[in-house]
């Protein structure tokens, strides 16, 4: 395994309260929106996913990628998983950790080559 980079980000949860539909659809995939809106504290989950996308964006060995091409979901055990829908990321894998409180959400990601 070759480590490519790490990325981190922190966001204020309040920024994600009452987002307009067009903003949500620009930043998040339909599956991410569905997941976040299934939770009691929607803004916390949106902030955590946005923070994850920022962390991934910062850690990628290339730039200029739409946030909707970075998807953060959960595996069967509940652990967050990242997929990047871009051919430049075909040989990359991601390990990510998310955390949130009432006020802040943060993410850290490790990007490595398969």
PDB file of N, CA and C in Angstrom:
ATOM      1  N   UNK A   1       0.852  -1.179   0.000  1.00  0.00           N
ATOM      2  CA  UNK A   1       0.000   0.000   0.000  1.00  0.00           C
ATOM      3  C   UNK A   1       0.894   1.237   0.000  1.00  0.00           C
ATOM      4  N   UNK A   2       0.612   2.141  -0.898  1.00  0.00           N
ATOM      5  CA  UNK A   2       1.336   3.413  -0.983  1.00  0.00           C
ATOM      6  C   UNK A   2       0.402   4.543  -0.554  1.00  0.00           C
ATOM      7  N   UNK A   3       0.749   5.232   0.525  1.00  0.00           N
ATOM      8  CA  UNK A   3      -0.056   6.359   0.980  1.00  0.00           C
ATOM      9  C   UNK A   3       0.142   7.521   0.007  1.00  0.00           C
ATOM     10  N   UNK A   4      -0.965   8.070  -0.444  1.00  0.00           N
ATOM     11  CA  UNK A   4      -0.937   9.187  -1.383  1.00  0.00           C
ATOM     12  C   UNK A   4      -0.991  10.513  -0.637  1.00  0.00           C
ATOM     13  N   UNK A   5      -1.930  10.604   0.318  1.00  0.00           N
ATOM     14  CA  UNK A   5      -2.116  11.871   1.025  1.00  0.00           C
ATOM     15  C   UNK A   5      -3.119  11.668   2.154  1.00  0.00           C
ATOM     16  N   UNK A   6      -3.228  12.667   3.012  1.00  0.00           N
ATOM     17  CA  UNK A   6      -4.287  12.715   4.007  1.00  0.00           C
ATOM     18  C   UNK A   6      -5.013  14.044   3.843  1.00  0.00           C
ATOM     19  N   UNK A   7      -6.247  14.074   4.287  1.00  0.00           N
ATOM     20  CA  UNK A   7      -7.011  15.311   4.249  1.00  0.00           C
ATOM     21  C   UNK A   7      -7.901  15.397   5.470  1.00  0.00           C
ATOM     22  N   UNK A   8      -8.189  16.600   5.886  1.00  0.00           N
ATOM     23  CA  UNK A   8      -9.065  16.807   7.036  1.00  0.00           C
ATOM     24  C   UNK A   8      -9.909  18.058   6.805  1.00  0.00           C
ATOM     25  N   UNK A   9     -11.030  18.120   7.486  1.00  0.00           N
ATOM     26  CA  UNK A   9     -11.889  19.291   7.387  1.00  0.00           C
ATOM     27  C   UNK A   9     -12.801  19.328   8.601  1.00  0.00           C
ATOM     28  N   UNK A  10     -13.216  20.523   8.975  1.00  0.00           N
ATOM     29  CA  UNK A  10     -14.184  20.732  10.047  1.00  0.00           C
ATOM     30  C   UNK A  10     -15.199  21.760   9.558  1.00  0.00           C
ATOM     31  N   UNK A  11     -16.459  21.531   9.889  1.00  0.00           N
ATOM     32  CA  UNK A  11     -17.544  22.412   9.447  1.00  0.00           C
ATOM     33  C   UNK A  11     -18.459  22.739  10.625  1.00  0.00           C
ATOM     34  N   UNK A  12     -19.052  23.926  10.585  1.00  0.00           N
ATOM     35  CA  UNK A  12     -20.073  24.297  11.551  1.00  0.00           C
ATOM     36  C   UNK A  12     -21.404  23.706  11.099  1.00  0.00           C
ATOM     37  N   UNK A  13     -22.049  22.982  11.982  1.00  0.00           N
ATOM     38  CA  UNK A  13     -23.316  22.335  11.661  1.00  0.00           C
ATOM     39  C   UNK A  13     -24.373  23.354  11.259  1.00  0.00           C
ATOM     40  N   UNK A  14     -24.371  24.508  11.867  1.00  0.00           N
ATOM     41  CA  UNK A  14     -25.406  25.527  11.600  1.00  0.00           C
ATOM     42  C   UNK A  14     -25.443  25.941  10.124  1.00  0.00           C
ATOM     43  N   UNK A  15     -24.332  25.815   9.419  1.00  0.00           N
ATOM     44  CA  UNK A  15     -24.310  26.164   7.989  1.00  0.00           C
ATOM     45  C   UNK A  15     -25.198  25.244   7.149  1.00  0.00           C
ATOM     46  N   UNK A  16     -25.559  24.084   7.711  1.00  0.00           N
ATOM     47  CA  UNK A  16     -26.294  23.083   6.951  1.00  0.00           C
ATOM     48  C   UNK A  16     -27.756  22.964   7.367  1.00  0.00           C
ATOM     49  N   UNK A  17     -28.189  23.911   8.159  1.00  0.00           N
ATOM     50  CA  UNK A  17     -29.594  23.955   8.546  1.00  0.00           C
ATOM     51  C   UNK A  17     -30.365  24.709   7.471  1.00  0.00           C
ATOM     52  N   UNK A  18     -31.482  24.169   7.054  1.00  0.00           N
ATOM     53  CA  UNK A  18     -32.387  24.814   6.095  1.00  0.00           C
ATOM     54  C   UNK A  18     -31.749  25.129   4.742  1.00  0.00           C
ATOM     55  N   UNK A  19     -30.922  24.236   4.240  1.00  0.00           N
ATOM     56  CA  UNK A  19     -30.348  24.440   2.904  1.00  0.00           C
ATOM     57  C   UNK A  19     -31.435  24.323   1.838  1.00  0.00           C
ATOM     58  N   UNK A  20     -31.337  25.134   0.813  1.00  0.00           N
ATOM     59  CA  UNK A  20     -32.281  25.056  -0.291  1.00  0.00           C
ATOM     60  C   UNK A  20     -32.056  23.764  -1.073  1.00  0.00           C
ATOM     61  N   UNK A  21     -33.113  23.283  -1.690  1.00  0.00           N
ATOM     62  CA  UNK A  21     -33.062  22.029  -2.435  1.00  0.00           C
ATOM     63  C   UNK A  21     -31.979  22.067  -3.522  1.00  0.00           C
ATOM     64  N   UNK A  22     -31.862  23.181  -4.235  1.00  0.00           N
ATOM     65  CA  UNK A  22     -30.882  23.255  -5.322  1.00  0.00           C
ATOM     66  C   UNK A  22     -29.448  23.186  -4.794  1.00  0.00           C
ATOM     67  N   UNK A  23     -29.214  23.704  -3.603  1.00  0.00           N
ATOM     68  CA  UNK A  23     -27.883  23.622  -2.986  1.00  0.00           C
ATOM     69  C   UNK A  23     -27.603  22.175  -2.588  1.00  0.00           C
ATOM     70  N   UNK A  24     -28.578  21.535  -1.949  1.00  0.00           N
ATOM     71  CA  UNK A  24     -28.431  20.130  -1.572  1.00  0.00           C
ATOM     72  C   UNK A  24     -28.098  19.275  -2.793  1.00  0.00           C
ATOM     73  N   UNK A  25     -28.835  19.484  -3.863  1.00  0.00           N
ATOM     74  CA  UNK A  25     -28.660  18.671  -5.069  1.00  0.00           C
ATOM     75  C   UNK A  25     -27.340  18.949  -5.777  1.00  0.00           C
ATOM     76  N   UNK A  26     -26.761  20.114  -5.560  1.00  0.00           N
ATOM     77  CA  UNK A  26     -25.463  20.437  -6.159  1.00  0.00           C
ATOM     78  C   UNK A  26     -24.315  19.788  -5.386  1.00  0.00           C
ATOM     79  N   UNK A  27     -24.485  19.657  -4.077  1.00  0.00           N
ATOM     80  CA  UNK A  27     -23.406  19.168  -3.215  1.00  0.00           C
ATOM     81  C   UNK A  27     -23.454  17.673  -2.915  1.00  0.00           C
ATOM     82  N   UNK A  28     -24.655  17.114  -2.867  1.00  0.00           N
ATOM     83  CA  UNK A  28     -24.819  15.744  -2.397  1.00  0.00           C
ATOM     84  C   UNK A  28     -25.511  14.870  -3.434  1.00  0.00           C
ATOM     85  N   UNK A  29     -25.196  13.575  -3.373  1.00  0.00           N
ATOM     86  CA  UNK A  29     -25.874  12.616  -4.249  1.00  0.00           C
ATOM     87  C   UNK A  29     -27.257  12.314  -3.665  1.00  0.00           C
ATOM     88  N   UNK A  30     -28.161  11.788  -4.487  1.00  0.00           N
ATOM     89  CA  UNK A  30     -29.483  11.420  -3.959  1.00  0.00           C
ATOM     90  C   UNK A  30     -29.396  10.443  -2.781  1.00  0.00           C
ATOM     91  N   UNK A  31     -28.475   9.490  -2.823  1.00  0.00           N
ATOM     92  CA  UNK A  31     -28.333   8.533  -1.720  1.00  0.00           C
ATOM     93  C   UNK A  31     -27.854   9.216  -0.438  1.00  0.00           C
ATOM     94  N   UNK A  32     -26.966  10.190  -0.565  1.00  0.00           N
ATOM     95  CA  UNK A  32     -26.505  10.933   0.613  1.00  0.00           C
ATOM     96  C   UNK A  32     -27.647  11.746   1.217  1.00  0.00           C
ATOM     97  N   UNK A  33     -28.413  12.396   0.370  1.00  0.00           N
ATOM     98  CA  UNK A  33     -29.549  13.200   0.837  1.00  0.00           C
ATOM     99  C   UNK A  33     -30.565  12.301   1.545  1.00  0.00           C
ATOM    100  N   UNK A  34     -30.857  11.163   0.932  1.00  0.00           N
ATOM    101  CA  UNK A  34     -31.803  10.212   1.529  1.00  0.00           C
ATOM    102  C   UNK A  34     -31.317   9.759   2.909  1.00  0.00           C
ATOM    103  N   UNK A  35     -30.042   9.424   3.019  1.00  0.00           N
ATOM    104  CA  UNK A  35     -29.480   8.990   4.293  1.00  0.00           C
ATOM    105  C   UNK A  35     -29.600  10.097   5.344  1.00  0.00           C
ATOM    106  N   UNK A  36     -29.143  11.289   5.010  1.00  0.00           N
ATOM    107  CA  UNK A  36     -29.145  12.391   5.986  1.00  0.00           C
ATOM    108  C   UNK A  36     -30.551  12.753   6.443  1.00  0.00           C
ATOM    109  N   UNK A  37     -31.506  12.738   5.514  1.00  0.00           N
ATOM    110  CA  UNK A  37     -32.872  13.108   5.864  1.00  0.00           C
ATOM    111  C   UNK A  37     -33.603  11.992   6.605  1.00  0.00           C
ATOM    112  N   UNK A  38     -32.986  10.813   6.687  1.00  0.00           N
ATOM    113  CA  UNK A  38     -33.582   9.728   7.473  1.00  0.00           C
ATOM    114  C   UNK A  38     -33.174   9.824   8.942  1.00  0.00           C
ATOM    115  N   UNK A  39     -32.285  10.759   9.253  1.00  0.00           N
ATOM    116  CA  UNK A  39     -31.760  10.919  10.610  1.00  0.00           C
ATOM    117  C   UNK A  39     -32.485  12.041  11.341  1.00  0.00           C
ATOM    118  N   UNK A  40     -32.470  11.970  12.674  1.00  0.00           N
ATOM    119  CA  UNK A  40     -33.114  12.989  13.495  1.00  0.00           C
ATOM    120  C   UNK A  40     -32.432  14.348  13.329  1.00  0.00           C
ATOM    121  N   UNK A  41     -31.105  14.367  13.369  1.00  0.00           N
ATOM    122  CA  UNK A  41     -30.333  15.606  13.275  1.00  0.00           C
ATOM    123  C   UNK A  41     -29.746  15.741  11.870  1.00  0.00           C
ATOM    124  N   UNK A  42     -30.578  16.136  10.948  1.00  0.00           N
ATOM    125  CA  UNK A  42     -30.219  16.196   9.530  1.00  0.00           C
ATOM    126  C   UNK A  42     -28.969  17.042   9.301  1.00  0.00           C
ATOM    127  N   UNK A  43     -28.925  18.226   9.879  1.00  0.00           N
ATOM    128  CA  UNK A  43     -27.813  19.151   9.633  1.00  0.00           C
ATOM    129  C   UNK A  43     -26.475  18.553  10.070  1.00  0.00           C
ATOM    130  N   UNK A  44     -26.460  17.820  11.172  1.00  0.00           N
ATOM    131  CA  UNK A  44     -25.214  17.196  11.628  1.00  0.00           C
ATOM    132  C   UNK A  44     -24.696  16.197  10.598  1.00  0.00           C
ATOM    133  N   UNK A  45     -25.595  15.435  10.028  1.00  0.00           N
ATOM    134  CA  UNK A  45     -25.194  14.418   9.048  1.00  0.00           C
ATOM    135  C   UNK A  45     -24.790  15.054   7.719  1.00  0.00           C
ATOM    136  N   UNK A  46     -25.486  16.108   7.315  1.00  0.00           N
ATOM    137  CA  UNK A  46     -25.072  16.832   6.107  1.00  0.00           C
ATOM    138  C   UNK A  46     -23.695  17.453   6.304  1.00  0.00           C
ATOM    139  N   UNK A  47     -23.477  18.059   7.467  1.00  0.00           N
ATOM    140  CA  UNK A  47     -22.186  18.690   7.751  1.00  0.00           C
ATOM    141  C   UNK A  47     -21.064  17.656   7.759  1.00  0.00           C
ATOM    142  N   UNK A  48     -21.316  16.493   8.326  1.00  0.00           N
ATOM    143  CA  UNK A  48     -20.294  15.442   8.362  1.00  0.00           C
ATOM    144  C   UNK A  48     -19.955  14.964   6.952  1.00  0.00           C
ATOM    145  N   UNK A  49     -20.962  14.794   6.108  1.00  0.00           N
ATOM    146  CA  UNK A  49     -20.709  14.349   4.737  1.00  0.00           C
ATOM    147  C   UNK A  49     -19.997  15.439   3.929  1.00  0.00           C
ATOM    148  N   UNK A  50     -20.387  16.674   4.133  1.00  0.00           N
ATOM    149  CA  UNK A  50     -19.702  17.762   3.439  1.00  0.00           C
ATOM    150  C   UNK A  50     -18.243  17.841   3.895  1.00  0.00           C
ATOM    151  N   UNK A  51     -18.023  17.722   5.188  1.00  0.00           N
ATOM    152  CA  UNK A  51     -16.666  17.735   5.721  1.00  0.00           C
ATOM    153  C   UNK A  51     -15.847  16.601   5.116  1.00  0.00           C
ATOM    154  N   UNK A  52     -16.461  15.438   4.968  1.00  0.00           N
ATOM    155  CA  UNK A  52     -15.778  14.300   4.347  1.00  0.00           C
ATOM    156  C   UNK A  52     -15.412  14.601   2.899  1.00  0.00           C
ATOM    157  N   UNK A  53     -16.342  15.205   2.167  1.00  0.00           N
ATOM    158  CA  UNK A  53     -16.069  15.538   0.770  1.00  0.00           C
ATOM    159  C   UNK A  53     -14.917  16.538   0.669  1.00  0.00           C
ATOM    160  N   UNK A  54     -14.898  17.528   1.556  1.00  0.00           N
ATOM    161  CA  UNK A  54     -13.796  18.505   1.584  1.00  0.00           C
ATOM    162  C   UNK A  54     -12.469  17.813   1.895  1.00  0.00           C
ATOM    163  N   UNK A  55     -12.479  16.912   2.867  1.00  0.00           N
ATOM    164  CA  UNK A  55     -11.256  16.197   3.239  1.00  0.00           C
ATOM    165  C   UNK A  55     -10.750  15.356   2.070  1.00  0.00           C
ATOM    166  N   UNK A  56     -11.657  14.675   1.382  1.00  0.00           N
ATOM    167  CA  UNK A  56     -11.272  13.871   0.213  1.00  0.00           C
ATOM    168  C   UNK A  56     -10.734  14.778  -0.885  1.00  0.00           C
ATOM    169  N   UNK A  57     -11.434  15.867  -1.148  1.00  0.00           N
ATOM    170  CA  UNK A  57     -11.001  16.809  -2.182  1.00  0.00           C
ATOM    171  C   UNK A  57      -9.583  17.299  -1.920  1.00  0.00           C
ATOM    172  N   UNK A  58      -9.304  17.635  -0.668  1.00  0.00           N
ATOM    173  CA  UNK A  58      -7.976  18.128  -0.294  1.00  0.00           C
ATOM    174  C   UNK A  58      -6.903  17.057  -0.449  1.00  0.00           C
ATOM    175  N   UNK A  59      -7.276  15.792  -0.280  1.00  0.00           N
ATOM    176  CA  UNK A  59      -6.301  14.702  -0.302  1.00  0.00           C
ATOM    177  C   UNK A  59      -6.095  14.078  -1.683  1.00  0.00           C
ATOM    178  N   UNK A  60      -6.992  14.346  -2.618  1.00  0.00           N
ATOM    179  CA  UNK A  60      -6.850  13.751  -3.948  1.00  0.00           C
ATOM    180  C   UNK A  60      -5.590  14.266  -4.643  1.00  0.00           C
ATOM    181  N   UNK A  61      -4.942  13.407  -5.430  1.00  0.00           N
ATOM    182  CA  UNK A  61      -3.738  13.841  -6.144  1.00  0.00           C
ATOM    183  C   UNK A  61      -4.052  14.603  -7.430  1.00  0.00           C
ATOM    184  N   UNK A  62      -5.290  15.028  -7.580  1.00  0.00           N
ATOM    185  CA  UNK A  62      -5.720  15.843  -8.715  1.00  0.00           C
ATOM    186  C   UNK A  62      -6.786  16.808  -8.215  1.00  0.00           C
ATOM    187  N   UNK A  63      -7.103  17.815  -9.021  1.00  0.00           N
ATOM    188  CA  UNK A  63      -8.123  18.769  -8.598  1.00  0.00           C
ATOM    189  C   UNK A  63      -9.226  18.838  -9.646  1.00  0.00           C
ATOM    190  N   UNK A  64     -10.104  19.770  -9.437  1.00  0.00           N
ATOM    191  CA  UNK A  64     -11.231  20.000 -10.341  1.00  0.00           C
ATOM    192  C   UNK A  64     -12.125  18.768 -10.455  1.00  0.00           C
ATOM    193  N   UNK A  65     -12.822  18.500  -9.383  1.00  0.00           N
ATOM    194  CA  UNK A  65     -13.801  17.427  -9.354  1.00  0.00           C
ATOM    195  C   UNK A  65     -15.043  17.956  -8.642  1.00  0.00           C
ATOM    196  N   UNK A  66     -16.201  17.659  -9.189  1.00  0.00           N
ATOM    197  CA  UNK A  66     -17.457  18.092  -8.584  1.00  0.00           C
ATOM    198  C   UNK A  66     -17.707  17.320  -7.294  1.00  0.00           C
ATOM    199  N   UNK A  67     -18.247  17.996  -6.303  1.00  0.00           N
ATOM    200  CA  UNK A  67     -18.519  17.343  -5.029  1.00  0.00           C
ATOM    201  C   UNK A  67     -19.476  16.168  -5.176  1.00  0.00           C
ATOM    202  N   UNK A  68     -20.375  16.225  -6.143  1.00  0.00           N
ATOM    203  CA  UNK A  68     -21.317  15.124  -6.331  1.00  0.00           C
ATOM    204  C   UNK A  68     -20.620  13.862  -6.831  1.00  0.00           C
ATOM    205  N   UNK A  69     -19.391  13.998  -7.319  1.00  0.00           N
ATOM    206  CA  UNK A  69     -18.647  12.817  -7.764  1.00  0.00           C
ATOM    207  C   UNK A  69     -17.936  12.133  -6.598  1.00  0.00           C
ATOM    208  N   UNK A  70     -17.944  12.770  -5.450  1.00  0.00           N
ATOM    209  CA  UNK A  70     -17.434  12.176  -4.217  1.00  0.00           C
ATOM    210  C   UNK A  70     -18.663  11.779  -3.403  1.00  0.00           C
ATOM    211  N   UNK A  71     -18.786  10.494  -3.110  1.00  0.00           N
ATOM    212  CA  UNK A  71     -19.960  10.018  -2.376  1.00  0.00           C
ATOM    213  C   UNK A  71     -19.523   9.377  -1.062  1.00  0.00           C
ATOM    214  N   UNK A  72     -20.221   9.750   0.010  1.00  0.00           N
ATOM    215  CA  UNK A  72     -19.937   9.219   1.336  1.00  0.00           C
ATOM    216  C   UNK A  72     -21.198   8.533   1.843  1.00  0.00           C
ATOM    217  N   UNK A  73     -21.126   7.229   1.953  1.00  0.00           N
ATOM    218  CA  UNK A  73     -22.242   6.435   2.466  1.00  0.00           C
ATOM    219  C   UNK A  73     -21.737   5.610   3.646  1.00  0.00           C
ATOM    220  N   UNK A  74     -22.475   4.590   4.013  1.00  0.00           N
ATOM    221  CA  UNK A  74     -22.063   3.718   5.101  1.00  0.00           C
ATOM    222  C   UNK A  74     -22.132   2.269   4.638  1.00  0.00           C
ATOM    223  N   UNK A  75     -21.194   1.450   5.146  1.00  0.00           N
ATOM    224  CA  UNK A  75     -21.264   0.031   4.826  1.00  0.00           C
ATOM    225  C   UNK A  75     -22.280  -0.638   5.754  1.00  0.00           C
ATOM    226  N   UNK A  76     -22.403  -1.953   5.649  1.00  0.00           N
ATOM    227  CA  UNK A  76     -23.420  -2.678   6.419  1.00  0.00           C
ATOM    228  C   UNK A  76     -23.227  -2.546   7.929  1.00  0.00           C
ATOM    229  N   UNK A  77     -21.991  -2.341   8.354  1.00  0.00           N
ATOM    230  CA  UNK A  77     -21.724  -2.205   9.789  1.00  0.00           C
ATOM    231  C   UNK A  77     -21.915  -0.769  10.277  1.00  0.00           C
ATOM    232  N   UNK A  78     -22.147   0.173   9.355  1.00  0.00           N
ATOM    233  CA  UNK A  78     -22.344   1.573   9.718  1.00  0.00           C
ATOM    234  C   UNK A  78     -21.118   2.442   9.526  1.00  0.00           C
ATOM    235  N   UNK A  79     -19.987   1.843   9.157  1.00  0.00           N
ATOM    236  CA  UNK A  79     -18.757   2.605   8.940  1.00  0.00           C
ATOM    237  C   UNK A  79     -18.864   3.420   7.652  1.00  0.00           C
ATOM    238  N   UNK A  80     -18.372   4.664   7.662  1.00  0.00           N
ATOM    239  CA  UNK A  80     -18.432   5.476   6.444  1.00  0.00           C
ATOM    240  C   UNK A  80     -17.481   4.934   5.375  1.00  0.00           C
ATOM    241  N   UNK A  81     -17.947   5.011   4.138  1.00  0.00           N
ATOM    242  CA  UNK A  81     -17.127   4.606   2.991  1.00  0.00           C
ATOM    243  C   UNK A  81     -17.200   5.698   1.928  1.00  0.00           C
ATOM    244  N   UNK A  82     -16.109   5.843   1.196  1.00  0.00           N
ATOM    245  CA  UNK A  82     -16.006   6.876   0.163  1.00  0.00           C
ATOM    246  C   UNK A  82     -15.853   6.207  -1.194  1.00  0.00           C
ATOM    247  N   UNK A  83     -16.582   6.737  -2.171  1.00  0.00           N
ATOM    248  CA  UNK A  83     -16.344   6.378  -3.562  1.00  0.00           C
ATOM    249  C   UNK A  83     -16.171   7.675  -4.343  1.00  0.00           C
ATOM    250  N   UNK A  84     -15.245   7.645  -5.280  1.00  0.00           N
ATOM    251  CA  UNK A  84     -14.998   8.792  -6.148  1.00  0.00           C
ATOM    252  C   UNK A  84     -15.251   8.343  -7.576  1.00  0.00           C
ATOM    253  N   UNK A  85     -16.226   8.973  -8.214  1.00  0.00           N
ATOM    254  CA  UNK A  85     -16.613   8.610  -9.574  1.00  0.00           C
ATOM    255  C   UNK A  85     -15.825   9.450 -10.570  1.00  0.00           C
ATOM    256  N   UNK A  86     -14.576   9.032 -10.758  1.00  0.00           N
ATOM    257  CA  UNK A  86     -13.672   9.718 -11.677  1.00  0.00           C
ATOM    258  C   UNK A  86     -12.586   8.714 -12.048  1.00  0.00           C
ATOM    259  N   UNK A  87     -12.299   8.572 -13.340  1.00  0.00           N
ATOM    260  CA  UNK A  87     -11.326   7.557 -13.766  1.00  0.00           C
ATOM    261  C   UNK A  87      -9.947   7.794 -13.163  1.00  0.00           C
ATOM    262  N   UNK A  88      -9.638   9.030 -12.800  1.00  0.00           N
ATOM    263  CA  UNK A  88      -8.343   9.324 -12.184  1.00  0.00           C
ATOM    264  C   UNK A  88      -8.218   8.709 -10.797  1.00  0.00           C
ATOM    265  N   UNK A  89      -9.336   8.284 -10.224  1.00  0.00           N
ATOM    266  CA  UNK A  89      -9.330   7.697  -8.880  1.00  0.00           C
ATOM    267  C   UNK A  89      -9.463   6.179  -8.901  1.00  0.00           C
ATOM    268  N   UNK A  90      -9.406   5.584 -10.083  1.00  0.00           N
ATOM    269  CA  UNK A  90      -9.614   4.137 -10.188  1.00  0.00           C
ATOM    270  C   UNK A  90      -8.640   3.316  -9.359  1.00  0.00           C
ATOM    271  N   UNK A  91      -7.417   3.786  -9.170  1.00  0.00           N
ATOM    272  CA  UNK A  91      -6.430   3.017  -8.405  1.00  0.00           C
ATOM    273  C   UNK A  91      -6.303   3.499  -6.960  1.00  0.00           C
ATOM    274  N   UNK A  92      -7.253   4.306  -6.513  1.00  0.00           N
ATOM    275  CA  UNK A  92      -7.192   4.860  -5.158  1.00  0.00           C
ATOM    276  C   UNK A  92      -8.217   4.192  -4.239  1.00  0.00           C
ATOM    277  N   UNK A  93      -7.854   4.102  -2.971  1.00  0.00           N
ATOM    278  CA  UNK A  93      -8.779   3.640  -1.937  1.00  0.00           C
ATOM    279  C   UNK A  93      -8.750   4.655  -0.807  1.00  0.00           C
ATOM    280  N   UNK A  94      -9.786   4.629   0.013  1.00  0.00           N
ATOM    281  CA  UNK A  94      -9.967   5.640   1.044  1.00  0.00           C
ATOM    282  C   UNK A  94     -10.330   5.007   2.374  1.00  0.00           C
ATOM    283  N   UNK A  95      -9.733   5.522   3.423  1.00  0.00           N
ATOM    284  CA  UNK A  95     -10.125   5.210   4.796  1.00  0.00           C
ATOM    285  C   UNK A  95     -10.543   6.537   5.407  1.00  0.00           C
ATOM    286  N   UNK A  96     -11.747   6.553   5.984  1.00  0.00           N
ATOM    287  CA  UNK A  96     -12.263   7.831   6.479  1.00  0.00           C
ATOM    288  C   UNK A  96     -12.878   7.672   7.862  1.00  0.00           C
ATOM    289  N   UNK A  97     -12.762   8.724   8.629  1.00  0.00           N
ATOM    290  CA  UNK A  97     -13.387   8.779   9.941  1.00  0.00           C
ATOM    291  C   UNK A  97     -14.176  10.083  10.036  1.00  0.00           C
ATOM    292  N   UNK A  98     -15.415   9.988  10.496  1.00  0.00           N
ATOM    293  CA  UNK A  98     -16.298  11.147  10.663  1.00  0.00           C
ATOM    294  C   UNK A  98     -16.686  11.281  12.125  1.00  0.00           C
ATOM    295  N   UNK A  99     -16.913  12.507  12.543  1.00  0.00           N
ATOM    296  CA  UNK A  99     -17.382  12.757  13.899  1.00  0.00           C
ATOM    297  C   UNK A  99     -18.189  14.053  13.893  1.00  0.00           C
ATOM    298  N   UNK A 100     -19.184  14.125  14.769  1.00  0.00           N
ATOM    299  CA  UNK A 100     -19.933  15.383  14.869  1.00  0.00           C
ATOM    300  C   UNK A 100     -20.498  15.574  16.264  1.00  0.00           C
ATOM    301  N   UNK A 101     -20.687  16.852  16.578  1.00  0.00           N
ATOM    302  CA  UNK A 101     -21.356  17.271  17.810  1.00  0.00           C
ATOM    303  C   UNK A 101     -22.522  18.147  17.374  1.00  0.00           C
ATOM    304  N   UNK A 102     -23.173  18.781  18.301  1.00  0.00           N
ATOM    305  CA  UNK A 102     -24.265  19.687  17.938  1.00  0.00           C
ATOM    306  C   UNK A 102     -23.761  20.874  17.127  1.00  0.00           C
ATOM    307  N   UNK A 103     -22.511  21.282  17.347  1.00  0.00           N
ATOM    308  CA  UNK A 103     -21.994  22.483  16.697  1.00  0.00           C
ATOM    309  C   UNK A 103     -21.037  22.222  15.539  1.00  0.00           C
ATOM    310  N   UNK A 104     -20.300  21.115  15.575  1.00  0.00           N
ATOM    311  CA  UNK A 104     -19.259  20.884  14.564  1.00  0.00           C
ATOM    312  C   UNK A 104     -19.289  19.462  14.025  1.00  0.00           C
ATOM    313  N   UNK A 105     -18.836  19.336  12.789  1.00  0.00           N
ATOM    314  CA  UNK A 105     -18.622  18.027  12.163  1.00  0.00           C
ATOM    315  C   UNK A 105     -17.219  18.039  11.588  1.00  0.00           C
ATOM    316  N   UNK A 106     -16.543  16.906  11.683  1.00  0.00           N
ATOM    317  CA  UNK A 106     -15.184  16.847  11.161  1.00  0.00           C
ATOM    318  C   UNK A 106     -14.957  15.505  10.479  1.00  0.00           C
ATOM    319  N   UNK A 107     -13.966  15.503   9.587  1.00  0.00           N
ATOM    320  CA  UNK A 107     -13.595  14.280   8.877  1.00  0.00           C
ATOM    321  C   UNK A 107     -12.094  14.266   8.661  1.00  0.00           C
ATOM    322  N   UNK A 108     -11.563  13.060   8.633  1.00  0.00           N
ATOM    323  CA  UNK A 108     -10.172  12.862   8.237  1.00  0.00           C
ATOM    324  C   UNK A 108     -10.146  11.656   7.308  1.00  0.00           C
ATOM    325  N   UNK A 109      -9.357  11.782   6.250  1.00  0.00           N
ATOM    326  CA  UNK A 109      -9.298  10.721   5.246  1.00  0.00           C
ATOM    327  C   UNK A 109      -7.849  10.397   4.914  1.00  0.00           C
ATOM    328  N   UNK A 110      -7.611   9.126   4.697  1.00  0.00           N
ATOM    329  CA  UNK A 110      -6.324   8.635   4.225  1.00  0.00           C
ATOM    330  C   UNK A 110      -6.561   8.089   2.819  1.00  0.00           C
ATOM    331  N   UNK A 111      -5.784   8.580   1.863  1.00  0.00           N
ATOM    332  CA  UNK A 111      -5.903   8.112   0.480  1.00  0.00           C
ATOM    333  C   UNK A 111      -4.651   7.289   0.171  1.00  0.00           C
ATOM    334  N   UNK A 112      -4.875   6.118  -0.384  1.00  0.00           N
ATOM    335  CA  UNK A 112      -3.752   5.262  -0.730  1.00  0.00           C
ATOM    336  C   UNK A 112      -4.004   4.546  -2.053  1.00  0.00           C
ATOM    337  N   UNK A 113      -2.926   4.076  -2.662  1.00  0.00           N
ATOM    338  CA  UNK A 113      -3.029   3.320  -3.914  1.00  0.00           C
ATOM    339  C   UNK A 113      -3.190   1.844  -3.581  1.00  0.00           C
ATOM    340  N   UNK A 114      -3.999   1.192  -4.369  1.00  0.00           N
ATOM    341  CA  UNK A 114      -4.249  -0.250  -4.194  1.00  0.00           C
ATOM    342  C   UNK A 114      -2.980  -1.050  -4.397  1.00  0.00           C
TER     343      UNK A 114
END
